[in-house]
């Protein structure tokens, strides 16, 4: 039940380009090259995201991508 409440909020934050943990803007994060796009690390909480270069959308990085 708890996940049913949190998942839409996290999806909304990612669509806004914000970190799901602390809410900071991901454009200010540490950027590195990655095969599908950019690998972005949040400077405040350290979560890792992938920005797809084709669509411009963010998603959480998988264990294999870390």
N, C-alpha and C. Protein backbone atom coordinates (compact mmCIF):
# COMPACT_ATOMS: atom_id res chain seq x y z
N UNK A 1 0.82 -1.19 0.00
CA UNK A 1 0.00 0.00 0.00
C UNK A 1 0.87 1.26 0.00
N UNK A 2 1.94 1.24 0.76
CA UNK A 2 2.82 2.40 0.86
C UNK A 2 3.42 2.75 -0.50
N UNK A 3 3.77 1.73 -1.26
CA UNK A 3 4.36 1.95 -2.58
C UNK A 3 3.35 2.60 -3.54
N UNK A 4 2.07 2.26 -3.38
CA UNK A 4 1.03 2.85 -4.23
C UNK A 4 0.90 4.35 -4.02
N UNK A 5 1.32 4.83 -2.87
CA UNK A 5 1.27 6.26 -2.58
C UNK A 5 2.54 6.96 -3.06
N UNK A 6 3.69 6.33 -2.88
CA UNK A 6 4.98 6.96 -3.17
C UNK A 6 5.31 6.97 -4.66
N UNK A 7 4.98 5.91 -5.39
CA UNK A 7 5.37 5.78 -6.80
C UNK A 7 4.88 6.94 -7.67
N UNK A 8 3.63 7.39 -7.56
CA UNK A 8 3.21 8.52 -8.39
C UNK A 8 3.94 9.82 -8.05
N UNK A 9 4.28 10.01 -6.80
CA UNK A 9 5.02 11.21 -6.41
C UNK A 9 6.43 11.18 -7.00
N UNK A 10 7.08 10.02 -6.95
CA UNK A 10 8.40 9.90 -7.53
C UNK A 10 8.36 10.08 -9.04
N UNK A 11 7.35 9.55 -9.71
CA UNK A 11 7.21 9.71 -11.15
C UNK A 11 7.02 11.19 -11.51
N UNK A 12 6.26 11.90 -10.70
CA UNK A 12 6.04 13.33 -10.95
C UNK A 12 7.34 14.12 -10.76
N UNK A 13 8.10 13.79 -9.72
CA UNK A 13 9.38 14.48 -9.49
C UNK A 13 10.34 14.25 -10.65
N UNK A 14 10.43 13.02 -11.15
CA UNK A 14 11.30 12.72 -12.28
C UNK A 14 10.84 13.45 -13.55
N UNK A 15 9.54 13.58 -13.74
CA UNK A 15 9.05 14.30 -14.92
C UNK A 15 9.38 15.79 -14.84
N UNK A 16 9.55 16.31 -13.63
CA UNK A 16 9.93 17.70 -13.43
C UNK A 16 11.44 17.90 -13.46
N UNK A 17 12.20 16.79 -13.54
CA UNK A 17 13.66 16.88 -13.55
C UNK A 17 14.23 17.10 -12.16
N UNK A 18 13.59 16.52 -11.16
CA UNK A 18 14.04 16.68 -9.77
C UNK A 18 14.37 15.32 -9.17
N UNK A 19 15.24 15.32 -8.18
CA UNK A 19 15.64 14.11 -7.48
C UNK A 19 14.48 13.57 -6.66
N UNK A 20 14.29 12.24 -6.65
CA UNK A 20 13.18 11.64 -5.91
C UNK A 20 13.47 11.58 -4.41
N UNK A 21 14.72 11.77 -4.01
CA UNK A 21 15.07 11.70 -2.60
C UNK A 21 15.01 13.03 -1.89
N UNK A 22 15.60 14.05 -2.51
CA UNK A 22 15.69 15.34 -1.84
C UNK A 22 14.98 16.47 -2.58
N UNK A 23 14.60 16.25 -3.84
CA UNK A 23 13.84 17.25 -4.58
C UNK A 23 14.67 18.32 -5.27
N UNK A 24 16.00 18.20 -5.24
CA UNK A 24 16.83 19.21 -5.89
C UNK A 24 16.82 19.02 -7.41
N UNK A 25 17.14 20.07 -8.12
CA UNK A 25 17.14 20.05 -9.57
C UNK A 25 18.29 19.17 -10.07
N UNK A 26 17.99 18.24 -10.99
CA UNK A 26 19.02 17.33 -11.49
C UNK A 26 19.97 17.99 -12.48
N UNK A 27 19.63 19.16 -13.00
CA UNK A 27 20.53 19.87 -13.91
C UNK A 27 21.79 20.34 -13.19
N UNK A 28 21.71 20.49 -11.86
CA UNK A 28 22.87 20.93 -11.10
C UNK A 28 23.72 19.77 -10.60
N UNK A 29 23.34 18.52 -10.95
CA UNK A 29 24.07 17.34 -10.51
C UNK A 29 25.34 17.11 -11.30
N UNK A 30 26.14 16.14 -10.83
CA UNK A 30 27.39 15.76 -11.49
C UNK A 30 27.06 14.91 -12.70
N UNK A 31 27.51 15.33 -13.89
CA UNK A 31 27.17 14.64 -15.14
C UNK A 31 28.37 13.87 -15.66
N UNK A 32 28.09 12.65 -16.16
CA UNK A 32 29.10 11.80 -16.79
C UNK A 32 28.49 11.18 -18.04
N UNK A 33 29.34 10.87 -19.01
CA UNK A 33 28.86 10.21 -20.23
C UNK A 33 28.44 8.78 -19.90
N UNK A 34 27.38 8.33 -20.58
CA UNK A 34 26.86 6.97 -20.40
C UNK A 34 26.30 6.55 -21.74
N UNK A 35 26.23 5.25 -21.99
CA UNK A 35 25.83 4.77 -23.32
C UNK A 35 24.45 5.27 -23.79
N UNK A 36 23.37 5.19 -23.00
CA UNK A 36 22.11 5.71 -23.54
C UNK A 36 21.95 7.22 -23.43
N UNK A 37 22.81 7.89 -22.68
CA UNK A 37 22.68 9.33 -22.52
C UNK A 37 23.69 9.86 -21.52
N UNK A 38 23.18 10.45 -20.42
CA UNK A 38 24.04 10.98 -19.37
C UNK A 38 23.74 10.28 -18.05
N UNK A 39 24.78 10.09 -17.26
CA UNK A 39 24.62 9.56 -15.91
C UNK A 39 24.76 10.74 -14.97
N UNK A 40 23.74 11.01 -14.18
CA UNK A 40 23.71 12.18 -13.31
C UNK A 40 23.64 11.72 -11.86
N UNK A 41 24.54 12.25 -11.05
CA UNK A 41 24.56 11.96 -9.62
C UNK A 41 24.10 13.20 -8.86
N UNK A 42 23.10 13.04 -8.01
CA UNK A 42 22.59 14.15 -7.21
C UNK A 42 23.68 14.59 -6.23
N UNK A 43 23.94 15.88 -6.18
CA UNK A 43 24.99 16.39 -5.31
C UNK A 43 24.59 16.37 -3.84
N UNK A 44 23.31 16.42 -3.56
CA UNK A 44 22.85 16.50 -2.19
C UNK A 44 22.72 15.12 -1.52
N UNK A 45 22.10 14.14 -2.21
CA UNK A 45 21.85 12.85 -1.58
C UNK A 45 22.60 11.69 -2.23
N UNK A 46 23.19 11.89 -3.42
CA UNK A 46 24.01 10.86 -4.05
C UNK A 46 23.27 9.83 -4.89
N UNK A 47 21.97 10.00 -5.10
CA UNK A 47 21.25 9.06 -5.96
C UNK A 47 21.69 9.22 -7.40
N UNK A 48 21.66 8.13 -8.16
CA UNK A 48 22.16 8.14 -9.53
C UNK A 48 20.98 7.98 -10.49
N UNK A 49 20.96 8.83 -11.52
CA UNK A 49 19.90 8.84 -12.51
C UNK A 49 20.52 8.74 -13.90
N UNK A 50 19.72 8.32 -14.86
CA UNK A 50 20.11 8.28 -16.27
C UNK A 50 19.16 9.20 -17.03
N UNK A 51 19.75 10.12 -17.82
CA UNK A 51 18.94 10.98 -18.68
C UNK A 51 19.08 10.47 -20.10
N UNK A 52 17.97 10.05 -20.69
CA UNK A 52 17.97 9.54 -22.05
C UNK A 52 18.15 10.71 -23.01
N UNK A 53 19.16 10.62 -23.87
CA UNK A 53 19.46 11.73 -24.78
C UNK A 53 18.41 11.89 -25.87
N UNK A 54 17.75 10.80 -26.26
CA UNK A 54 16.75 10.88 -27.33
C UNK A 54 15.46 11.55 -26.86
N UNK A 55 15.00 11.19 -25.67
CA UNK A 55 13.72 11.71 -25.18
C UNK A 55 13.88 12.83 -24.16
N UNK A 56 15.02 12.90 -23.50
CA UNK A 56 15.24 13.92 -22.48
C UNK A 56 14.61 13.59 -21.14
N UNK A 57 14.19 12.34 -20.96
CA UNK A 57 13.54 11.93 -19.72
C UNK A 57 14.55 11.32 -18.75
N UNK A 58 14.27 11.46 -17.46
CA UNK A 58 15.11 10.90 -16.41
C UNK A 58 14.52 9.59 -15.90
N UNK A 59 15.41 8.73 -15.39
CA UNK A 59 14.98 7.51 -14.70
C UNK A 59 16.06 7.14 -13.70
N UNK A 60 15.70 6.31 -12.72
CA UNK A 60 16.68 5.84 -11.75
C UNK A 60 17.61 4.85 -12.44
N UNK A 61 18.88 4.86 -12.06
CA UNK A 61 19.87 3.94 -12.64
C UNK A 61 19.68 2.54 -12.07
N UNK A 62 19.89 1.53 -12.92
CA UNK A 62 19.84 0.14 -12.49
C UNK A 62 21.16 -0.23 -11.81
N UNK A 63 21.20 -1.35 -11.09
CA UNK A 63 22.42 -1.79 -10.44
C UNK A 63 23.55 -2.01 -11.45
N UNK A 64 23.21 -2.50 -12.64
CA UNK A 64 24.23 -2.75 -13.67
C UNK A 64 24.83 -1.45 -14.19
N UNK A 65 24.12 -0.35 -14.09
CA UNK A 65 24.59 0.93 -14.60
C UNK A 65 25.39 1.73 -13.59
N UNK A 66 25.37 1.30 -12.36
CA UNK A 66 26.10 2.00 -11.30
C UNK A 66 27.50 1.52 -11.31
